[in-house]
Amino acid sequence: MLTWNLQSVFKARGIERPYTFLVKAGISRHSATSILNNDIFFLRLSHLELLCQKLNCSPNDLLLWVPNPNNPLPKEHPLYKLKKEAPGFDLAETLKTASFEKLNEIKNILSTESPPSTNP
């Protein structure tokens, strides 16, 4: 079953008030409530694009697939790319409590990563 992975993305981004974030991003109050309650039967592509822009992510980051035991799929099925493991720790809390030395190490690691290729 496909479902939303928004809470994990909000947590990773340090967004403590997701409803306010969604409304300020331009999503109606009703839609924001439905999104946060995972009570959405459809989502406008414009909303999906807006979420990706504001959260700096792709649609794959916002979706989560939970396999249905009554309808197993082969392990190489593309939906398995949307199956995410829960993080083993709270990144935001880890960063808050990390030493200054560790934060500098993280900054150096992130700044030395090569940017994604923009080849057509």
C-alpha atoms as a PDB file:
ATOM      1  CA  MET A   1       0.000   0.000   0.000  1.00  0.00           C
ATOM      2  CA  LEU A   2       1.288   3.459  -0.841  1.00  0.00           C
ATOM      3  CA  THR A   3       1.172   5.987   1.940  1.00  0.00           C
ATOM      4  CA  TRP A   4       2.785   9.291   2.853  1.00  0.00           C
ATOM      5  CA  ASN A   5       6.211   9.577   4.423  1.00  0.00           C
ATOM      6  CA  LEU A   6       5.736  13.222   5.374  1.00  0.00           C
ATOM      7  CA  GLN A   7       6.286  12.912   9.114  1.00  0.00           C
ATOM      8  CA  SER A   8       9.768  11.495   8.543  1.00  0.00           C
ATOM      9  CA  VAL A   9      10.615  14.268   6.081  1.00  0.00           C
ATOM     10  CA  PHE A  10       9.255  16.957   8.417  1.00  0.00           C
ATOM     11  CA  LYS A  11      11.272  15.528  11.284  1.00  0.00           C
ATOM     12  CA  ALA A  12      14.448  15.330   9.188  1.00  0.00           C
ATOM     13  CA  ARG A  13      13.981  18.953   8.129  1.00  0.00           C
ATOM     14  CA  GLY A  14      13.347  20.091  11.702  1.00  0.00           C
ATOM     15  CA  ILE A  15       9.785  21.204  10.961  1.00  0.00           C
ATOM     16  CA  GLU A  16       8.052  21.187  14.319  1.00  0.00           C
ATOM     17  CA  ARG A  17       4.684  22.559  13.125  1.00  0.00           C
ATOM     18  CA  PRO A  18       3.850  20.732   9.882  1.00  0.00           C
ATOM     19  CA  TYR A  19       0.332  22.182   9.596  1.00  0.00           C
ATOM     20  CA  THR A  20       1.660  25.744   9.735  1.00  0.00           C
ATOM     21  CA  PHE A  21       4.415  24.818   7.292  1.00  0.00           C
ATOM     22  CA  LEU A  22       1.923  23.431   4.764  1.00  0.00           C
ATOM     23  CA  VAL A  23      -0.435  26.412   5.019  1.00  0.00           C
ATOM     24  CA  LYS A  24       2.428  28.904   4.683  1.00  0.00           C
ATOM     25  CA  ALA A  25       3.661  26.927   1.670  1.00  0.00           C
ATOM     26  CA  GLY A  26       0.332  27.632  -0.050  1.00  0.00           C
ATOM     27  CA  ILE A  27      -1.728  24.528   0.666  1.00  0.00           C
ATOM     28  CA  SER A  28      -5.282  25.144   1.871  1.00  0.00           C
ATOM     29  CA  ARG A  29      -6.121  24.447   5.506  1.00  0.00           C
ATOM     30  CA  HIS A  30      -8.483  21.647   4.541  1.00  0.00           C
ATOM     31  CA  SER A  31      -5.878  19.982   2.296  1.00  0.00           C
ATOM     32  CA  ALA A  32      -3.174  20.434   4.955  1.00  0.00           C
ATOM     33  CA  THR A  33      -5.355  18.695   7.539  1.00  0.00           C
ATOM     34  CA  SER A  34      -6.117  15.847   5.115  1.00  0.00           C
ATOM     35  CA  ILE A  35      -2.444  15.453   4.214  1.00  0.00           C
ATOM     36  CA  LEU A  36      -1.331  15.326   7.846  1.00  0.00           C
ATOM     37  CA  ASN A  37      -4.074  12.838   8.767  1.00  0.00           C
ATOM     38  CA  ASN A  38      -3.087  10.674   5.776  1.00  0.00           C
ATOM     39  CA  ASP A  39      -6.711  11.005   4.688  1.00  0.00           C
ATOM     40  CA  ILE A  40      -6.132  11.901   1.052  1.00  0.00           C
ATOM     41  CA  PHE A  41      -7.756  10.123  -1.841  1.00  0.00           C
ATOM     42  CA  PHE A  42      -5.985  12.253  -4.411  1.00  0.00           C
ATOM     43  CA  LEU A  43      -3.310  14.918  -4.401  1.00  0.00           C
ATOM     44  CA  ARG A  44      -2.881  17.555  -7.044  1.00  0.00           C
ATOM     45  CA  LEU A  45       0.384  17.308  -8.892  1.00  0.00           C
ATOM     46  CA  SER A  46       0.852  21.010  -8.186  1.00  0.00           C
ATOM     47  CA  HIS A  47       0.689  20.230  -4.444  1.00  0.00           C
ATOM     48  CA  LEU A  48       3.160  17.380  -4.838  1.00  0.00           C
ATOM     49  CA  GLU A  49       5.516  19.637  -6.761  1.00  0.00           C
ATOM     50  CA  LEU A  50       5.114  22.405  -4.164  1.00  0.00           C
ATOM     51  CA  LEU A  51       5.922  19.973  -1.339  1.00  0.00           C
ATOM     52  CA  CYS A  52       9.009  18.770  -3.200  1.00  0.00           C
ATOM     53  CA  GLN A  53      10.162  22.344  -3.787  1.00  0.00           C
ATOM     54  CA  LYS A  54       9.617  23.472  -0.193  1.00  0.00           C
ATOM     55  CA  LEU A  55      11.073  20.309   1.353  1.00  0.00           C
ATOM     56  CA  ASN A  56      13.937  20.019  -1.165  1.00  0.00           C
ATOM     57  CA  CYS A  57      13.092  16.429  -2.021  1.00  0.00           C
ATOM     58  CA  SER A  58      11.643  14.204  -4.731  1.00  0.00           C
ATOM     59  CA  PRO A  59       8.220  12.516  -4.834  1.00  0.00           C
ATOM     60  CA  ASN A  60       9.975   9.245  -3.921  1.00  0.00           C
ATOM     61  CA  ASP A  61      11.005  10.831  -0.604  1.00  0.00           C
ATOM     62  CA  LEU A  62       7.382  11.704   0.180  1.00  0.00           C
ATOM     63  CA  LEU A  63       5.926   8.289  -0.590  1.00  0.00           C
ATOM     64  CA  LEU A  64       6.262   5.102   1.387  1.00  0.00           C
ATOM     65  CA  TRP A  65       5.306   1.643   0.210  1.00  0.00           C
ATOM     66  CA  VAL A  66       4.283  -1.046   2.661  1.00  0.00           C
ATOM     67  CA  PRO A  67       4.131  -4.515   1.071  1.00  0.00           C
ATOM     68  CA  ASN A  68       0.810  -6.319   1.232  1.00  0.00           C
ATOM     69  CA  PRO A  69       1.377  -9.833   2.564  1.00  0.00           C
ATOM     70  CA  ASN A  70      -1.743 -11.003   0.682  1.00  0.00           C
ATOM     71  CA  ASN A  71      -0.343  -9.780  -2.632  1.00  0.00           C
ATOM     72  CA  PRO A  72       3.427 -10.404  -2.619  1.00  0.00           C
ATOM     73  CA  LEU A  73       5.577  -8.861  -5.329  1.00  0.00           C
ATOM     74  CA  PRO A  74       8.953 -10.042  -6.603  1.00  0.00           C
ATOM     75  CA  LYS A  75      11.864  -8.476  -4.678  1.00  0.00           C
ATOM     76  CA  GLU A  76      13.045  -6.698  -7.840  1.00  0.00           C
ATOM     77  CA  HIS A  77       9.736  -4.859  -8.323  1.00  0.00           C
ATOM     78  CA  PRO A  78      10.236  -1.058  -8.597  1.00  0.00           C
ATOM     79  CA  LEU A  79       7.866  -0.406  -5.687  1.00  0.00           C
ATOM     80  CA  TYR A  80      10.532  -1.760  -3.341  1.00  0.00           C
ATOM     81  CA  LYS A  81      12.445   1.493  -3.962  1.00  0.00           C
ATOM     82  CA  LEU A  82       9.681   3.220  -1.977  1.00  0.00           C
ATOM     83  CA  LYS A  83      10.034   0.863   0.987  1.00  0.00           C
ATOM     84  CA  LYS A  84      11.926   2.807   3.614  1.00  0.00           C
ATOM     85  CA  GLU A  85      13.403   1.686   6.866  1.00  0.00           C
ATOM     86  CA  ALA A  86      12.725   3.797   9.924  1.00  0.00           C
ATOM     87  CA  PRO A  87      15.811   5.731  10.968  1.00  0.00           C
ATOM     88  CA  GLY A  88      17.533   4.273  13.988  1.00  0.00           C
ATOM     89  CA  PHE A  89      18.010   7.666  15.589  1.00  0.00           C
ATOM     90  CA  ASP A  90      16.645  11.190  15.683  1.00  0.00           C
ATOM     91  CA  LEU A  91      18.932  13.217  13.405  1.00  0.00           C
ATOM     92  CA  ALA A  92      17.759  16.608  14.682  1.00  0.00           C
ATOM     93  CA  GLU A  93      18.339  15.596  18.290  1.00  0.00           C
ATOM     94  CA  THR A  94      21.713  14.092  17.414  1.00  0.00           C
ATOM     95  CA  LEU A  95      22.780  17.339  15.755  1.00  0.00           C
ATOM     96  CA  LYS A  96      21.576  19.398  18.729  1.00  0.00           C
ATOM     97  CA  THR A  97      23.707  17.405  21.133  1.00  0.00           C
ATOM     98  CA  ALA A  98      26.768  16.814  18.923  1.00  0.00           C
ATOM     99  CA  SER A  99      30.039  18.412  19.903  1.00  0.00           C
ATOM    100  CA  PHE A 100      31.300  21.347  17.880  1.00  0.00           C
ATOM    101  CA  GLU A 101      34.089  19.112  16.575  1.00  0.00           C
ATOM    102  CA  LYS A 102      31.571  16.545  15.309  1.00  0.00           C
ATOM    103  CA  LEU A 103      29.468  19.282  13.685  1.00  0.00           C
ATOM    104  CA  ASN A 104      32.558  20.484  11.831  1.00  0.00           C
ATOM    105  CA  GLU A 105      33.250  16.923  10.672  1.00  0.00           C
ATOM    106  CA  ILE A 106      29.674  16.666   9.362  1.00  0.00           C
ATOM    107  CA  LYS A 107      29.989  20.050   7.640  1.00  0.00           C
ATOM    108  CA  ASN A 108      33.216  18.925   5.959  1.00  0.00           C
ATOM    109  CA  ILE A 109      31.679  15.667   4.797  1.00  0.00           C
ATOM    110  CA  LEU A 110      28.654  17.457   3.350  1.00  0.00           C
ATOM    111  CA  SER A 111      30.702  20.173   1.668  1.00  0.00           C
ATOM    112  CA  THR A 112      33.010  17.669  -0.046  1.00  0.00           C
ATOM    113  CA  GLU A 113      30.222  15.617  -1.593  1.00  0.00           C
ATOM    114  CA  SER A 114      30.137  16.089  -5.327  1.00  0.00           C
ATOM    115  CA  PRO A 115      26.969  17.787  -6.629  1.00  0.00           C
ATOM    116  CA  PRO A 116      24.537  15.681  -8.652  1.00  0.00           C
ATOM    117  CA  SER A 117      25.260  15.443 -12.342  1.00  0.00           C
ATOM    118  CA  THR A 118      23.284  17.818 -14.550  1.00  0.00           C
ATOM    119  CA  ASN A 119      24.037  16.044 -17.814  1.00  0.00           C
ATOM    120  CA  PRO A 120      21.055  16.038 -20.193  1.00  0.00           C
END
